[in-house]
Structures are given as structure tokens and as C-alpha cells.
Amino acid sequence: MNHPFEKKYNVIHADIFSSNLLQPNMLNLIENVRWRSDMPNRKGRYLKEIVEFIKDYPEVGIAYDLSHGHINREPLEEIL
């Protein structure tokens, strides 16, 4: 199933982010990923990690999935 925003936005999961996935003439967004117990070292679970990924890409924004943040037990202080 496609992400509901994929028609207007290029949503890239944080754990696979690379600059070659960016699309011209679209709003490129990085989405935080859901924690999986079989992948305990997965990157992009937390907002701080995503900010590090995109700091050199001013054309990239963040699509923060609140349910993923809840699953990951990300502290609300990290978001505010």
C-alpha cells in the first residue's frame, strides 16, 4: 500500500535515506521509521537522528509519524 502523501510528496523512510532518492520538483520528506525488534540498531527511529541525516539537505523536510514516535517511545521533549 502506498503512503497517502506519495502522490504529491516524495516520502523516504529514514532508514534508507540517501541523496539519490531525492526527487526534483517534489517536496522531499523523511519519515521516521517504526522500531522493529528484529532490527534493534535501525537508524531513523528518532527525530534527532533524522535531523542529522538532513542537515546538509536544506530542500528536505520531515514527515514525522506520531504513531511511530509512540511505538519508539520517543520522549515528547525531543519533538517540541
Protein backbone atom coordinates (compact mmCIF):
# COMPACT_ATOMS: atom_id res chain seq x y z
CA MET A 1 0.00 0.00 0.00
CA ASN A 2 1.32 3.43 -0.90
CA HIS A 3 1.77 6.15 1.65
CA PRO A 4 -1.15 8.63 1.32
CA PHE A 5 1.22 11.55 0.62
CA GLU A 6 3.27 9.85 -2.10
CA LYS A 7 1.30 11.45 -4.94
CA LYS A 8 2.35 15.00 -4.02
CA TYR A 9 5.35 14.35 -1.85
CA ASN A 10 8.37 12.11 -2.05
CA VAL A 11 8.33 10.34 1.32
CA ILE A 12 11.54 8.46 2.09
CA HIS A 13 11.87 6.22 5.12
CA ALA A 14 14.75 7.42 7.25
CA ASP A 15 16.46 4.03 7.41
CA ILE A 16 17.04 4.03 3.63
CA PHE A 17 17.71 7.75 3.12
CA SER A 18 20.30 8.68 0.53
CA SER A 19 20.56 11.75 -1.68
CA ASN A 20 19.92 9.74 -4.85
CA LEU A 21 16.33 9.13 -3.63
CA LEU A 22 15.51 12.87 -3.71
CA GLN A 23 13.10 13.87 -6.49
CA PRO A 24 13.25 17.22 -8.29
CA ASN A 25 10.12 19.37 -8.31
CA MET A 26 8.62 17.49 -5.35
CA LEU A 27 8.59 18.13 -1.64
CA ASN A 28 11.06 15.56 -0.31
CA LEU A 29 10.24 14.36 3.20
CA ILE A 30 12.00 11.92 5.51
CA GLU A 31 9.70 9.80 7.66
CA ASN A 32 10.72 8.35 11.00
CA VAL A 33 10.63 4.57 10.96
CA ARG A 34 8.83 2.19 13.27
CA TRP A 35 11.06 0.23 15.62
CA ARG A 36 11.25 -3.49 14.87
CA SER A 37 12.58 -5.96 17.41
CA ASP A 38 14.44 -7.88 14.69
CA MET A 39 16.30 -4.68 13.75
CA PRO A 40 17.37 -3.15 17.08
CA ASN A 41 20.04 -0.89 15.53
CA ARG A 42 17.75 0.57 12.89
CA LYS A 43 18.52 4.22 12.13
CA GLY A 44 15.89 6.92 11.77
CA ARG A 45 13.74 5.94 14.73
CA TYR A 46 14.22 9.24 16.48
CA LEU A 47 13.88 12.86 15.43
CA LYS A 48 17.47 13.67 16.44
CA GLU A 49 18.76 11.04 14.01
CA ILE A 50 16.64 12.38 11.17
CA VAL A 51 17.82 15.95 11.80
CA GLU A 52 21.39 14.65 11.49
CA PHE A 53 20.54 12.92 8.19
CA ILE A 54 19.11 16.03 6.57
CA LYS A 55 21.27 18.82 7.98
CA ASP A 56 23.17 19.04 4.68
CA TYR A 57 19.97 18.96 2.60
CA PRO A 58 18.01 22.21 3.06
CA GLU A 59 15.48 21.07 0.44
CA VAL A 60 14.40 18.11 2.61
CA GLY A 61 11.73 18.23 5.31
CA ILE A 62 10.47 15.80 7.92
CA ALA A 63 7.23 13.81 7.84
CA TYR A 64 7.03 12.89 11.50
CA ASP A 65 4.75 9.91 12.06
CA LEU A 66 3.34 10.28 15.58
CA SER A 67 2.40 6.62 15.83
CA HIS A 68 5.98 5.61 15.01
CA GLY A 69 7.22 8.05 17.65
CA HIS A 70 4.86 6.45 20.16
CA ILE A 71 5.98 2.92 19.24
CA ASN A 72 9.61 4.03 19.53
CA ARG A 73 8.87 5.60 22.92
CA GLU A 74 10.42 8.86 21.76
CA PRO A 75 10.16 11.45 24.53
CA LEU A 76 7.81 14.32 23.76
CA GLU A 77 10.62 16.72 24.71
CA GLU A 78 12.53 15.59 21.62
CA ILE A 79 9.71 16.77 19.38
CA LEU A 80 8.91 20.11 21.00
